[in-house]
Amino acid sequence: MANHRILVIDDSRVIRMRVRDMLPQGNFDVIEAKDGVEGMEAVRNQRPSLIMLDFLLPRMSGWEVFQEIQANPDWQRIPLVLMSGRKEEVTEKMAEPFEYFEFIQKPFEQRELIEAIKSAMVKARKPRQPVAPPVVPPSPTPAIGVEAAISAAEFQSLQAQVQQLQGEVTQLKGQLAKVLAFIKQRLT
């Protein structure tokens, strides 16, 4: 039986297979997820001992998966290796040095993968500083009357739509970056 469960969340079947092939035989049980939603289901249900997370994913981005993992104290302790073909995509959202997870740039070799896994295991054991809850400004006191209730509901609806659109824009940017990388690769 495998000693460690490794969850590989990547929309590329090639990357998932490559990770599986690079790991020492018999020591690892590799669980695969092709998007962020499947990945989060696997985190909840499979309780992996390591997560390898692509930053650009369909349905739920790697950034969103990362945020959900970081929001759960139990999941924070799972070693995490973040993967991307472009490091700047990651550093746009998170500043270096990456204190609690490891980053590996695609494509990678077996030696780099093993080193990233070892480093992620060390980083996951680091004690974390308590995170203060986000400061939510007090909502303005609505005027008395039906119009105020309707406008507050409309405002909340618009906020939800903006968040959804921001997620879609991020996903589209990721897809565009992949297309550009593919085109550049074909041209060279």
C-alpha atoms as a PDB file:
ATOM      1  CA  MET A   1       0.000   0.000   0.000  1.00  0.00           C
ATOM      2  CA  ALA A   2       1.183   3.524  -0.761  1.00  0.00           C
ATOM      3  CA  ASN A   3       2.620   5.614   2.059  1.00  0.00           C
ATOM      4  CA  HIS A   4       1.529   8.986   0.733  1.00  0.00           C
ATOM      5  CA  ARG A   5      -1.474  10.285  -1.175  1.00  0.00           C
ATOM      6  CA  ILE A   6      -0.526  12.966  -3.640  1.00  0.00           C
ATOM      7  CA  LEU A   7      -3.306  15.004  -5.186  1.00  0.00           C
ATOM      8  CA  VAL A   8      -2.349  16.449  -8.577  1.00  0.00           C
ATOM      9  CA  ILE A   9      -4.769  19.189  -9.650  1.00  0.00           C
ATOM     10  CA  ASP A  10      -3.964  20.104 -13.247  1.00  0.00           C
ATOM     11  CA  ASP A  11      -6.089  20.452 -16.367  1.00  0.00           C
ATOM     12  CA  SER A  12      -3.285  18.875 -18.427  1.00  0.00           C
ATOM     13  CA  ARG A  13      -3.468  15.099 -18.522  1.00  0.00           C
ATOM     14  CA  VAL A  14       0.169  15.106 -19.647  1.00  0.00           C
ATOM     15  CA  ILE A  15       1.298  16.938 -16.485  1.00  0.00           C
ATOM     16  CA  ARG A  16      -0.750  14.631 -14.250  1.00  0.00           C
ATOM     17  CA  MET A  17       0.802  11.567 -15.914  1.00  0.00           C
ATOM     18  CA  ARG A  18       4.275  13.128 -15.835  1.00  0.00           C
ATOM     19  CA  VAL A  19       4.054  13.716 -12.081  1.00  0.00           C
ATOM     20  CA  ARG A  20       2.823  10.146 -11.564  1.00  0.00           C
ATOM     21  CA  ASP A  21       5.714   8.756 -13.626  1.00  0.00           C
ATOM     22  CA  MET A  22       8.350  10.878 -11.841  1.00  0.00           C
ATOM     23  CA  LEU A  23       7.419   9.718  -8.349  1.00  0.00           C
ATOM     24  CA  PRO A  24       9.185   6.659  -6.885  1.00  0.00           C
ATOM     25  CA  GLN A  25       7.118   3.531  -7.541  1.00  0.00           C
ATOM     26  CA  GLY A  26       5.189   2.042  -4.633  1.00  0.00           C
ATOM     27  CA  ASN A  27       5.561   4.999  -2.280  1.00  0.00           C
ATOM     28  CA  PHE A  28       2.766   7.180  -3.609  1.00  0.00           C
ATOM     29  CA  ASP A  29      -0.892   6.887  -4.418  1.00  0.00           C
ATOM     30  CA  VAL A  30      -1.589   9.609  -6.990  1.00  0.00           C
ATOM     31  CA  ILE A  31      -5.067  11.131  -7.056  1.00  0.00           C
ATOM     32  CA  GLU A  32      -5.861  13.221 -10.123  1.00  0.00           C
ATOM     33  CA  ALA A  33      -8.228  16.163 -10.576  1.00  0.00           C
ATOM     34  CA  LYS A  34      -8.640  18.013 -13.875  1.00  0.00           C
ATOM     35  CA  ASP A  35     -10.033  21.275 -12.473  1.00  0.00           C
ATOM     36  CA  GLY A  36     -10.318  23.239  -9.261  1.00  0.00           C
ATOM     37  CA  VAL A  37     -13.790  21.964  -8.367  1.00  0.00           C
ATOM     38  CA  GLU A  38     -12.690  18.306  -8.630  1.00  0.00           C
ATOM     39  CA  GLY A  39      -9.547  19.215  -6.738  1.00  0.00           C
ATOM     40  CA  MET A  40     -11.446  20.680  -3.792  1.00  0.00           C
ATOM     41  CA  GLU A  41     -13.725  17.624  -3.700  1.00  0.00           C
ATOM     42  CA  ALA A  42     -10.629  15.424  -3.510  1.00  0.00           C
ATOM     43  CA  VAL A  43      -9.131  17.578  -0.728  1.00  0.00           C
ATOM     44  CA  ARG A  44     -12.342  17.147   1.268  1.00  0.00           C
ATOM     45  CA  ASN A  45     -12.861  13.435   0.568  1.00  0.00           C
ATOM     46  CA  GLN A  46      -9.385  11.939   0.031  1.00  0.00           C
ATOM     47  CA  ARG A  47      -7.371  13.836   2.674  1.00  0.00           C
ATOM     48  CA  PRO A  48      -4.140  13.940   0.643  1.00  0.00           C
ATOM     49  CA  SER A  49      -0.727  14.137   2.295  1.00  0.00           C
ATOM     50  CA  LEU A  50       0.525  16.480  -0.465  1.00  0.00           C
ATOM     51  CA  ILE A  51      -1.176  18.730  -3.030  1.00  0.00           C
ATOM     52  CA  MET A  52       0.319  19.699  -6.390  1.00  0.00           C
ATOM     53  CA  LEU A  53      -1.756  22.577  -7.704  1.00  0.00           C
ATOM     54  CA  ASP A  54      -1.720  24.172 -11.148  1.00  0.00           C
ATOM     55  CA  PHE A  55      -2.316  27.905 -10.917  1.00  0.00           C
ATOM     56  CA  LEU A  56      -4.458  28.157 -14.075  1.00  0.00           C
ATOM     57  CA  LEU A  57      -7.458  25.844 -13.928  1.00  0.00           C
ATOM     58  CA  PRO A  58     -10.955  25.713 -15.400  1.00  0.00           C
ATOM     59  CA  ARG A  59     -14.123  26.044 -13.300  1.00  0.00           C
ATOM     60  CA  MET A  60     -12.214  27.130 -10.181  1.00  0.00           C
ATOM     61  CA  SER A  61      -8.779  28.709 -10.545  1.00  0.00           C
ATOM     62  CA  GLY A  62      -5.694  27.565  -8.693  1.00  0.00           C
ATOM     63  CA  TRP A  63      -5.746  30.897  -6.871  1.00  0.00           C
ATOM     64  CA  GLU A  64      -9.287  30.197  -5.627  1.00  0.00           C
ATOM     65  CA  VAL A  65      -8.324  26.651  -4.583  1.00  0.00           C
ATOM     66  CA  PHE A  66      -5.274  28.057  -2.772  1.00  0.00           C
ATOM     67  CA  GLN A  67      -7.437  30.591  -0.916  1.00  0.00           C
ATOM     68  CA  GLU A  68      -9.919  27.913   0.138  1.00  0.00           C
ATOM     69  CA  ILE A  69      -7.110  25.666   1.397  1.00  0.00           C
ATOM     70  CA  GLN A  70      -5.545  28.557   3.338  1.00  0.00           C
ATOM     71  CA  ALA A  71      -8.899  29.414   4.916  1.00  0.00           C
ATOM     72  CA  ASN A  72      -9.121  25.959   6.540  1.00  0.00           C
ATOM     73  CA  PRO A  73      -6.637  25.375   9.413  1.00  0.00           C
ATOM     74  CA  ASP A  74      -6.659  21.591   8.836  1.00  0.00           C
ATOM     75  CA  TRP A  75      -5.837  21.946   5.143  1.00  0.00           C
ATOM     76  CA  GLN A  76      -3.129  24.568   5.759  1.00  0.00           C
ATOM     77  CA  ARG A  77      -0.937  21.799   7.178  1.00  0.00           C
ATOM     78  CA  ILE A  78      -1.003  19.825   3.905  1.00  0.00           C
ATOM     79  CA  PRO A  79       2.250  20.407   1.989  1.00  0.00           C
ATOM     80  CA  LEU A  80       1.492  22.328  -1.210  1.00  0.00           C
ATOM     81  CA  VAL A  81       3.460  22.624  -4.440  1.00  0.00           C
ATOM     82  CA  LEU A  82       2.105  25.321  -6.722  1.00  0.00           C
ATOM     83  CA  MET A  83       2.843  24.803 -10.434  1.00  0.00           C
ATOM     84  CA  SER A  84       2.773  27.240 -13.330  1.00  0.00           C
ATOM     85  CA  GLY A  85       4.454  27.797 -16.650  1.00  0.00           C
ATOM     86  CA  ARG A  86       4.865  31.468 -15.738  1.00  0.00           C
ATOM     87  CA  LYS A  87       5.998  32.435 -12.265  1.00  0.00           C
ATOM     88  CA  GLU A  88       4.801  36.014 -12.765  1.00  0.00           C
ATOM     89  CA  GLU A  89       1.191  34.751 -12.816  1.00  0.00           C
ATOM     90  CA  VAL A  90       1.697  33.512  -9.281  1.00  0.00           C
ATOM     91  CA  THR A  91       3.640  36.533  -8.022  1.00  0.00           C
ATOM     92  CA  GLU A  92       0.846  38.826  -9.240  1.00  0.00           C
ATOM     93  CA  LYS A  93      -1.340  37.315  -6.512  1.00  0.00           C
ATOM     94  CA  MET A  94       1.240  36.290  -3.885  1.00  0.00           C
ATOM     95  CA  ALA A  95       4.469  37.984  -2.926  1.00  0.00           C
ATOM     96  CA  GLU A  96       7.718  36.086  -2.644  1.00  0.00           C
ATOM     97  CA  PRO A  97       9.275  34.496  -0.732  1.00  0.00           C
ATOM     98  CA  PHE A  98       6.659  31.779  -0.657  1.00  0.00           C
ATOM     99  CA  GLU A  99       6.661  31.016   3.031  1.00  0.00           C
ATOM    100  CA  TYR A 100       4.154  28.178   3.434  1.00  0.00           C
ATOM    101  CA  PHE A 101       4.208  26.453   0.034  1.00  0.00           C
ATOM    102  CA  GLU A 102       6.676  25.611  -2.695  1.00  0.00           C
ATOM    103  CA  PHE A 103       6.608  26.786  -6.300  1.00  0.00           C
ATOM    104  CA  ILE A 104       7.800  24.800  -9.304  1.00  0.00           C
ATOM    105  CA  GLN A 105       7.911  26.144 -12.832  1.00  0.00           C
ATOM    106  CA  LYS A 106       6.664  23.985 -15.690  1.00  0.00           C
ATOM    107  CA  PRO A 107       8.151  22.084 -17.386  1.00  0.00           C
ATOM    108  CA  PHE A 108      10.186  20.450 -14.632  1.00  0.00           C
ATOM    109  CA  GLU A 109      12.492  17.477 -14.254  1.00  0.00           C
ATOM    110  CA  GLN A 110      12.218  14.663 -11.721  1.00  0.00           C
ATOM    111  CA  ARG A 111      14.981  16.091  -9.504  1.00  0.00           C
ATOM    112  CA  GLU A 112      13.193  19.462  -9.360  1.00  0.00           C
ATOM    113  CA  LEU A 113       9.893  17.768  -8.504  1.00  0.00           C
ATOM    114  CA  ILE A 114      11.399  15.753  -5.649  1.00  0.00           C
ATOM    115  CA  GLU A 115      13.163  18.856  -4.261  1.00  0.00           C
ATOM    116  CA  ALA A 116       9.922  20.872  -4.464  1.00  0.00           C
ATOM    117  CA  ILE A 117       8.036  18.137  -2.582  1.00  0.00           C
ATOM    118  CA  LYS A 118      10.701  17.997   0.146  1.00  0.00           C
ATOM    119  CA  SER A 119      10.685  21.782   0.482  1.00  0.00           C
ATOM    120  CA  ALA A 120       6.862  21.900   0.625  1.00  0.00           C
ATOM    121  CA  MET A 121       6.901  19.347   3.451  1.00  0.00           C
ATOM    122  CA  VAL A 122       9.318  21.501   5.458  1.00  0.00           C
ATOM    123  CA  LYS A 123       7.351  24.696   4.798  1.00  0.00           C
ATOM    124  CA  ALA A 124       4.038  23.083   5.795  1.00  0.00           C
ATOM    125  CA  ARG A 125       5.451  22.355   9.268  1.00  0.00           C
ATOM    126  CA  LYS A 126       6.334  25.989   9.900  1.00  0.00           C
ATOM    127  CA  PRO A 127       4.214  27.576  12.619  1.00  0.00           C
ATOM    128  CA  ARG A 128       1.805  30.084  11.209  1.00  0.00           C
ATOM    129  CA  GLN A 129       1.039  33.482  12.560  1.00  0.00           C
ATOM    130  CA  PRO A 130      -2.606  33.878  13.501  1.00  0.00           C
ATOM    131  CA  VAL A 131      -4.411  35.650  10.725  1.00  0.00           C
ATOM    132  CA  ALA A 132      -6.580  38.529  11.810  1.00  0.00           C
ATOM    133  CA  PRO A 133     -10.075  38.362  10.371  1.00  0.00           C
ATOM    134  CA  PRO A 134     -10.576  40.760   7.497  1.00  0.00           C
ATOM    135  CA  VAL A 135     -11.837  44.160   8.526  1.00  0.00           C
ATOM    136  CA  VAL A 136     -15.296  44.665   7.146  1.00  0.00           C
ATOM    137  CA  PRO A 137     -16.365  48.274   7.147  1.00  0.00           C
ATOM    138  CA  PRO A 138     -19.726  48.866   8.760  1.00  0.00           C
ATOM    139  CA  SER A 139     -22.487  49.023   6.243  1.00  0.00           C
ATOM    140  CA  PRO A 140     -24.166  52.385   5.926  1.00  0.00           C
ATOM    141  CA  THR A 141     -27.393  52.676   7.799  1.00  0.00           C
ATOM    142  CA  PRO A 142     -30.089  52.459   5.177  1.00  0.00           C
ATOM    143  CA  ALA A 143     -32.809  55.041   5.075  1.00  0.00           C
ATOM    144  CA  ILE A 144     -36.132  53.855   6.332  1.00  0.00           C
ATOM    145  CA  GLY A 145     -38.464  52.664   3.598  1.00  0.00           C
ATOM    146  CA  VAL A 146     -38.889  50.138   0.815  1.00  0.00           C
ATOM    147  CA  GLU A 147     -36.551  51.948  -1.601  1.00  0.00           C
ATOM    148  CA  ALA A 148     -33.590  51.478   0.784  1.00  0.00           C
ATOM    149  CA  ALA A 149     -34.239  47.734   1.094  1.00  0.00           C
ATOM    150  CA  ILE A 150     -34.483  47.341  -2.667  1.00  0.00           C
ATOM    151  CA  SER A 151     -31.309  49.332  -3.324  1.00  0.00           C
ATOM    152  CA  ALA A 152     -29.385  47.327  -0.691  1.00  0.00           C
ATOM    153  CA  ALA A 153     -30.528  44.076  -2.305  1.00  0.00           C
ATOM    154  CA  GLU A 154     -29.594  45.413  -5.725  1.00  0.00           C
ATOM    155  CA  PHE A 155     -26.200  46.461  -4.409  1.00  0.00           C
ATOM    156  CA  GLN A 156     -25.539  42.966  -3.027  1.00  0.00           C
ATOM    157  CA  SER A 157     -26.620  41.446  -6.318  1.00  0.00           C
ATOM    158  CA  LEU A 158     -24.267  43.732  -8.229  1.00  0.00           C
ATOM    159  CA  GLN A 159     -21.405  42.864  -5.887  1.00  0.00           C
ATOM    160  CA  ALA A 160     -21.986  39.149  -6.514  1.00  0.00           C
ATOM    161  CA  GLN A 161     -22.042  39.758 -10.266  1.00  0.00           C
ATOM    162  CA  VAL A 162     -18.778  41.735 -10.081  1.00  0.00           C
ATOM    163  CA  GLN A 163     -17.084  38.915  -8.152  1.00  0.00           C
ATOM    164  CA  GLN A 164     -18.300  36.369 -10.685  1.00  0.00           C
ATOM    165  CA  LEU A 165     -17.065  38.517 -13.583  1.00  0.00           C
ATOM    166  CA  GLN A 166     -13.680  38.988 -11.897  1.00  0.00           C
ATOM    167  CA  GLY A 167     -13.342  35.209 -11.617  1.00  0.00           C
ATOM    168  CA  GLU A 168     -14.268  34.769 -15.264  1.00  0.00           C
ATOM    169  CA  VAL A 169     -11.776  37.450 -16.334  1.00  0.00           C
ATOM    170  CA  THR A 170      -9.022  35.711 -14.352  1.00  0.00           C
ATOM    171  CA  GLN A 171      -9.928  32.403 -15.979  1.00  0.00           C
ATOM    172  CA  LEU A 172      -9.934  33.980 -19.448  1.00  0.00           C
ATOM    173  CA  LYS A 173      -6.547  35.591 -18.807  1.00  0.00           C
ATOM    174  CA  GLY A 174      -5.211  32.166 -17.877  1.00  0.00           C
ATOM    175  CA  GLN A 175      -6.627  30.576 -20.990  1.00  0.00           C
ATOM    176  CA  LEU A 176      -5.200  33.372 -23.127  1.00  0.00           C
ATOM    177  CA  ALA A 177      -1.775  32.894 -21.538  1.00  0.00           C
ATOM    178  CA  LYS A 178      -1.933  29.172 -22.345  1.00  0.00           C
ATOM    179  CA  VAL A 179      -2.910  29.875 -25.950  1.00  0.00           C
ATOM    180  CA  LEU A 180      -0.083  32.406 -26.316  1.00  0.00           C
ATOM    181  CA  ALA A 181       2.411  29.968 -24.780  1.00  0.00           C
ATOM    182  CA  PHE A 182       1.226  27.268 -27.179  1.00  0.00           C
ATOM    183  CA  ILE A 183       1.553  29.601 -30.167  1.00  0.00           C
ATOM    184  CA  LYS A 184       5.035  30.710 -29.078  1.00  0.00           C
ATOM    185  CA  GLN A 185       6.039  27.080 -28.647  1.00  0.00           C
ATOM    186  CA  ARG A 186       4.819  26.230 -32.147  1.00  0.00           C
ATOM    187  CA  LEU A 187       6.580  29.217 -33.685  1.00  0.00           C
ATOM    188  CA  THR A 188       9.964  28.334 -32.200  1.00  0.00           C
END
